[in-house]
N, C-alpha and C. Protein backbone atom coordinates (compact mmCIF):
# COMPACT_ATOMS: atom_id res chain seq x y z
N MET A 1 -40.54 -22.92 -30.08
CA MET A 1 -39.57 -23.99 -29.93
C MET A 1 -39.83 -24.72 -28.62
N SER A 2 -39.77 -26.00 -28.65
CA SER A 2 -40.04 -26.81 -27.47
C SER A 2 -38.85 -26.81 -26.52
N LYS A 3 -39.15 -26.91 -25.24
CA LYS A 3 -38.07 -27.00 -24.25
C LYS A 3 -37.51 -28.41 -24.16
N TYR A 4 -38.17 -29.36 -24.83
CA TYR A 4 -37.73 -30.75 -24.81
C TYR A 4 -36.91 -31.08 -26.05
N SER A 5 -35.99 -32.01 -25.90
CA SER A 5 -35.16 -32.43 -27.04
C SER A 5 -36.00 -33.23 -28.03
N PRO A 6 -35.55 -33.31 -29.29
CA PRO A 6 -36.28 -34.11 -30.27
C PRO A 6 -36.46 -35.57 -29.83
N ARG A 7 -35.48 -36.12 -29.13
CA ARG A 7 -35.61 -37.51 -28.66
C ARG A 7 -36.75 -37.64 -27.65
N THR A 8 -36.83 -36.69 -26.73
CA THR A 8 -37.90 -36.73 -25.73
C THR A 8 -39.25 -36.54 -26.41
N GLN A 9 -39.33 -35.61 -27.35
CA GLN A 9 -40.58 -35.39 -28.07
C GLN A 9 -41.01 -36.62 -28.86
N ALA A 10 -40.06 -37.31 -29.47
CA ALA A 10 -40.38 -38.50 -30.26
C ALA A 10 -41.02 -39.58 -29.40
N VAL A 11 -40.66 -39.63 -28.13
CA VAL A 11 -41.19 -40.65 -27.23
C VAL A 11 -42.44 -40.18 -26.50
N HIS A 12 -42.50 -38.90 -26.11
CA HIS A 12 -43.55 -38.46 -25.20
C HIS A 12 -44.49 -37.38 -25.72
N ALA A 13 -44.25 -36.79 -26.87
CA ALA A 13 -45.10 -35.70 -27.35
C ALA A 13 -46.54 -36.17 -27.53
N GLY A 14 -47.46 -35.32 -27.15
CA GLY A 14 -48.88 -35.63 -27.32
C GLY A 14 -49.46 -36.53 -26.27
N GLU A 15 -48.69 -36.91 -25.28
CA GLU A 15 -49.18 -37.78 -24.22
C GLU A 15 -49.64 -36.94 -23.04
N ALA A 16 -50.72 -37.33 -22.47
CA ALA A 16 -51.22 -36.70 -21.25
C ALA A 16 -51.48 -37.80 -20.23
N ALA A 17 -51.01 -37.58 -19.04
CA ALA A 17 -51.22 -38.57 -17.98
C ALA A 17 -52.69 -38.66 -17.62
N GLU A 18 -53.16 -39.87 -17.40
CA GLU A 18 -54.51 -40.10 -16.91
C GLU A 18 -54.40 -40.20 -15.40
N GLY A 19 -54.67 -39.10 -14.72
CA GLY A 19 -54.44 -39.07 -13.28
C GLY A 19 -52.94 -39.03 -13.04
N THR A 20 -52.43 -40.01 -12.36
CA THR A 20 -50.99 -40.08 -12.11
C THR A 20 -50.33 -41.18 -12.93
N ILE A 21 -51.08 -41.76 -13.88
CA ILE A 21 -50.57 -42.90 -14.63
C ILE A 21 -50.20 -42.47 -16.05
N LEU A 22 -48.95 -42.69 -16.43
CA LEU A 22 -48.49 -42.47 -17.80
C LEU A 22 -47.64 -43.67 -18.19
N PRO A 23 -48.19 -44.59 -18.98
CA PRO A 23 -47.42 -45.79 -19.32
C PRO A 23 -46.17 -45.45 -20.12
N VAL A 24 -45.11 -46.20 -19.90
CA VAL A 24 -43.87 -46.01 -20.65
C VAL A 24 -44.10 -46.36 -22.11
N ALA A 25 -44.80 -47.44 -22.36
CA ALA A 25 -45.14 -47.85 -23.72
C ALA A 25 -46.66 -47.79 -23.86
N PRO A 26 -47.19 -46.79 -24.57
CA PRO A 26 -48.64 -46.69 -24.71
C PRO A 26 -49.20 -47.87 -25.50
N PRO A 27 -50.47 -48.19 -25.30
CA PRO A 27 -51.04 -49.35 -25.98
C PRO A 27 -51.20 -49.12 -27.48
N LEU A 28 -51.11 -50.20 -28.24
CA LEU A 28 -51.41 -50.16 -29.67
C LEU A 28 -52.86 -50.55 -29.84
N HIS A 29 -53.61 -49.75 -30.55
CA HIS A 29 -55.02 -50.05 -30.80
C HIS A 29 -55.11 -50.69 -32.18
N MET A 30 -55.38 -51.98 -32.20
CA MET A 30 -55.37 -52.75 -33.44
C MET A 30 -56.76 -52.92 -34.05
N ALA A 31 -57.79 -52.41 -33.40
CA ALA A 31 -59.15 -52.57 -33.91
C ALA A 31 -59.29 -51.89 -35.26
N ASN A 32 -60.08 -52.50 -36.15
CA ASN A 32 -60.32 -51.87 -37.44
C ASN A 32 -61.72 -51.28 -37.54
N SER A 33 -62.57 -51.57 -36.58
CA SER A 33 -63.90 -50.96 -36.55
C SER A 33 -64.31 -50.76 -35.09
N TYR A 34 -65.20 -49.80 -34.88
CA TYR A 34 -65.58 -49.41 -33.53
C TYR A 34 -67.10 -49.35 -33.43
N LEU A 35 -67.61 -49.65 -32.26
CA LEU A 35 -69.04 -49.62 -31.99
C LEU A 35 -69.45 -48.19 -31.65
N VAL A 36 -70.48 -47.68 -32.33
CA VAL A 36 -70.99 -46.34 -32.05
C VAL A 36 -72.50 -46.42 -31.86
N ASP A 37 -73.06 -45.36 -31.31
CA ASP A 37 -74.50 -45.30 -31.13
C ASP A 37 -75.19 -45.36 -32.49
N ALA A 38 -76.30 -46.10 -32.56
CA ALA A 38 -77.01 -46.27 -33.83
C ALA A 38 -77.52 -44.93 -34.37
N GLY A 39 -77.82 -43.99 -33.50
CA GLY A 39 -78.36 -42.71 -33.94
C GLY A 39 -77.31 -41.70 -34.37
N GLU A 40 -76.04 -42.05 -34.29
CA GLU A 40 -74.98 -41.10 -34.63
C GLU A 40 -74.80 -41.01 -36.14
N PRO A 41 -75.05 -39.83 -36.74
CA PRO A 41 -74.86 -39.71 -38.19
C PRO A 41 -73.38 -39.69 -38.53
N PHE A 42 -73.04 -40.23 -39.70
CA PHE A 42 -71.64 -40.27 -40.09
C PHE A 42 -71.49 -40.36 -41.59
N SER A 43 -70.50 -39.66 -42.12
CA SER A 43 -70.09 -39.83 -43.51
C SER A 43 -68.59 -39.56 -43.57
N ALA A 44 -67.90 -40.19 -44.49
CA ALA A 44 -66.46 -40.01 -44.62
C ALA A 44 -66.11 -38.56 -44.95
N GLU A 45 -67.01 -37.86 -45.64
CA GLU A 45 -66.76 -36.46 -45.98
C GLU A 45 -66.81 -35.56 -44.75
N GLY A 46 -67.49 -36.02 -43.71
CA GLY A 46 -67.63 -35.22 -42.50
C GLY A 46 -66.56 -35.46 -41.45
N LEU A 47 -65.49 -36.14 -41.81
CA LEU A 47 -64.43 -36.42 -40.84
C LEU A 47 -63.75 -35.13 -40.41
N ASP A 48 -63.57 -34.98 -39.11
CA ASP A 48 -62.79 -33.86 -38.59
C ASP A 48 -62.08 -34.34 -37.33
N ALA A 49 -61.39 -33.45 -36.66
CA ALA A 49 -60.58 -33.84 -35.50
C ALA A 49 -61.42 -34.40 -34.36
N ASP A 50 -62.70 -34.02 -34.30
CA ASP A 50 -63.56 -34.47 -33.21
C ASP A 50 -64.43 -35.67 -33.58
N ALA A 51 -64.26 -36.20 -34.77
CA ALA A 51 -65.08 -37.34 -35.20
C ALA A 51 -64.77 -38.56 -34.34
N PRO A 52 -65.81 -39.33 -34.00
CA PRO A 52 -65.55 -40.54 -33.21
C PRO A 52 -64.81 -41.57 -34.06
N TYR A 53 -64.15 -42.49 -33.40
CA TYR A 53 -63.48 -43.56 -34.13
C TYR A 53 -64.56 -44.49 -34.68
N ILE A 54 -64.59 -44.65 -35.99
CA ILE A 54 -65.59 -45.49 -36.66
C ILE A 54 -64.91 -46.67 -37.34
N TYR A 55 -63.86 -46.36 -38.09
CA TYR A 55 -63.21 -47.36 -38.93
C TYR A 55 -61.71 -47.07 -38.96
N GLY A 56 -60.89 -48.10 -38.77
CA GLY A 56 -59.45 -47.93 -38.64
C GLY A 56 -58.77 -47.29 -39.83
N ARG A 57 -59.33 -47.43 -41.02
CA ARG A 57 -58.72 -46.80 -42.19
C ARG A 57 -58.77 -45.28 -42.09
N TRP A 58 -59.78 -44.75 -41.37
CA TRP A 58 -59.91 -43.30 -41.25
C TRP A 58 -59.12 -42.76 -40.07
N SER A 59 -59.13 -43.46 -38.96
CA SER A 59 -58.38 -43.01 -37.78
C SER A 59 -58.55 -44.01 -36.65
N ASN A 60 -57.59 -44.00 -35.74
CA ASN A 60 -57.71 -44.74 -34.49
C ASN A 60 -56.77 -44.08 -33.48
N PRO A 61 -56.85 -44.44 -32.21
CA PRO A 61 -56.03 -43.77 -31.19
C PRO A 61 -54.53 -43.86 -31.45
N THR A 62 -54.05 -44.95 -32.02
CA THR A 62 -52.62 -45.10 -32.30
C THR A 62 -52.18 -44.11 -33.39
N ILE A 63 -52.98 -43.97 -34.43
CA ILE A 63 -52.65 -43.03 -35.50
C ILE A 63 -52.70 -41.60 -34.98
N LYS A 64 -53.69 -41.27 -34.16
CA LYS A 64 -53.78 -39.92 -33.58
C LYS A 64 -52.54 -39.61 -32.75
N ARG A 65 -52.06 -40.58 -31.98
CA ARG A 65 -50.85 -40.38 -31.17
C ARG A 65 -49.65 -40.10 -32.08
N LEU A 66 -49.52 -40.87 -33.15
CA LEU A 66 -48.43 -40.66 -34.10
C LEU A 66 -48.50 -39.26 -34.72
N GLU A 67 -49.71 -38.84 -35.10
CA GLU A 67 -49.87 -37.50 -35.68
C GLU A 67 -49.44 -36.41 -34.71
N ARG A 68 -49.81 -36.53 -33.44
CA ARG A 68 -49.42 -35.53 -32.44
C ARG A 68 -47.90 -35.49 -32.29
N ARG A 69 -47.26 -36.64 -32.29
CA ARG A 69 -45.80 -36.68 -32.13
C ARG A 69 -45.08 -36.09 -33.34
N ILE A 70 -45.51 -36.44 -34.52
CA ILE A 70 -44.88 -35.89 -35.72
C ILE A 70 -45.07 -34.37 -35.77
N ALA A 71 -46.27 -33.89 -35.44
CA ALA A 71 -46.51 -32.45 -35.42
C ALA A 71 -45.60 -31.76 -34.41
N ALA A 72 -45.41 -32.35 -33.24
CA ALA A 72 -44.53 -31.76 -32.23
C ALA A 72 -43.08 -31.73 -32.72
N LEU A 73 -42.63 -32.81 -33.32
CA LEU A 73 -41.25 -32.87 -33.83
C LEU A 73 -41.01 -31.86 -34.95
N GLU A 74 -42.01 -31.64 -35.79
CA GLU A 74 -41.88 -30.71 -36.90
C GLU A 74 -42.29 -29.29 -36.52
N GLU A 75 -42.72 -29.11 -35.26
CA GLU A 75 -43.23 -27.82 -34.78
C GLU A 75 -44.33 -27.31 -35.70
N ALA A 76 -45.24 -28.21 -36.05
CA ALA A 76 -46.35 -27.91 -36.94
C ALA A 76 -47.66 -27.92 -36.16
N GLU A 77 -48.71 -27.35 -36.76
CA GLU A 77 -50.02 -27.36 -36.12
C GLU A 77 -50.62 -28.76 -36.11
N GLY A 78 -50.30 -29.56 -37.08
CA GLY A 78 -50.86 -30.90 -37.16
C GLY A 78 -50.10 -31.75 -38.16
N ALA A 79 -50.48 -33.00 -38.25
CA ALA A 79 -49.89 -33.93 -39.20
C ALA A 79 -50.99 -34.88 -39.65
N ALA A 80 -50.80 -35.50 -40.79
CA ALA A 80 -51.77 -36.47 -41.29
C ALA A 80 -51.07 -37.79 -41.53
N CYS A 81 -51.53 -38.82 -40.85
CA CYS A 81 -51.01 -40.18 -41.03
C CYS A 81 -52.16 -41.08 -41.42
N PHE A 82 -51.85 -42.17 -42.08
CA PHE A 82 -52.89 -43.05 -42.59
C PHE A 82 -52.58 -44.49 -42.27
N ALA A 83 -53.61 -45.31 -42.19
CA ALA A 83 -53.47 -46.72 -41.86
C ALA A 83 -52.97 -47.53 -43.04
N SER A 84 -53.14 -47.00 -44.25
CA SER A 84 -52.72 -47.74 -45.44
C SER A 84 -52.50 -46.76 -46.59
N GLY A 85 -51.87 -47.25 -47.64
CA GLY A 85 -51.70 -46.42 -48.82
C GLY A 85 -53.03 -46.07 -49.46
N MET A 86 -53.97 -47.00 -49.44
CA MET A 86 -55.29 -46.73 -50.01
C MET A 86 -55.99 -45.61 -49.24
N ALA A 87 -55.84 -45.62 -47.92
CA ALA A 87 -56.44 -44.55 -47.12
C ALA A 87 -55.81 -43.21 -47.48
N ALA A 88 -54.51 -43.20 -47.74
CA ALA A 88 -53.81 -41.95 -48.08
C ALA A 88 -54.26 -41.41 -49.43
N ILE A 89 -54.37 -42.27 -50.44
CA ILE A 89 -54.71 -41.76 -51.77
C ILE A 89 -56.18 -41.41 -51.93
N THR A 90 -57.02 -41.88 -51.02
CA THR A 90 -58.44 -41.53 -51.10
C THR A 90 -58.82 -40.46 -50.09
N ALA A 91 -57.85 -39.92 -49.37
CA ALA A 91 -58.13 -38.89 -48.35
C ALA A 91 -58.44 -37.56 -49.00
């Protein structure tokens, strides 16, 4: 059980300060595709928690933040969120 209230967890769960800076409102990452090294192998079947951000339908920093917060609120190991309904039904 968390020592923080559900309201505090809803706002701050999954956040880690970068040095001494923790923004009150974290940034929204609206990019739908990301630049990666040309030599990096990738397939949608190989997605895992450590996969780099490639395409917004699969994951992005904003979705990861939401997943961490929902998992904290539900006291679960993890959560799965999607950028669209199509992403959810093809996951």
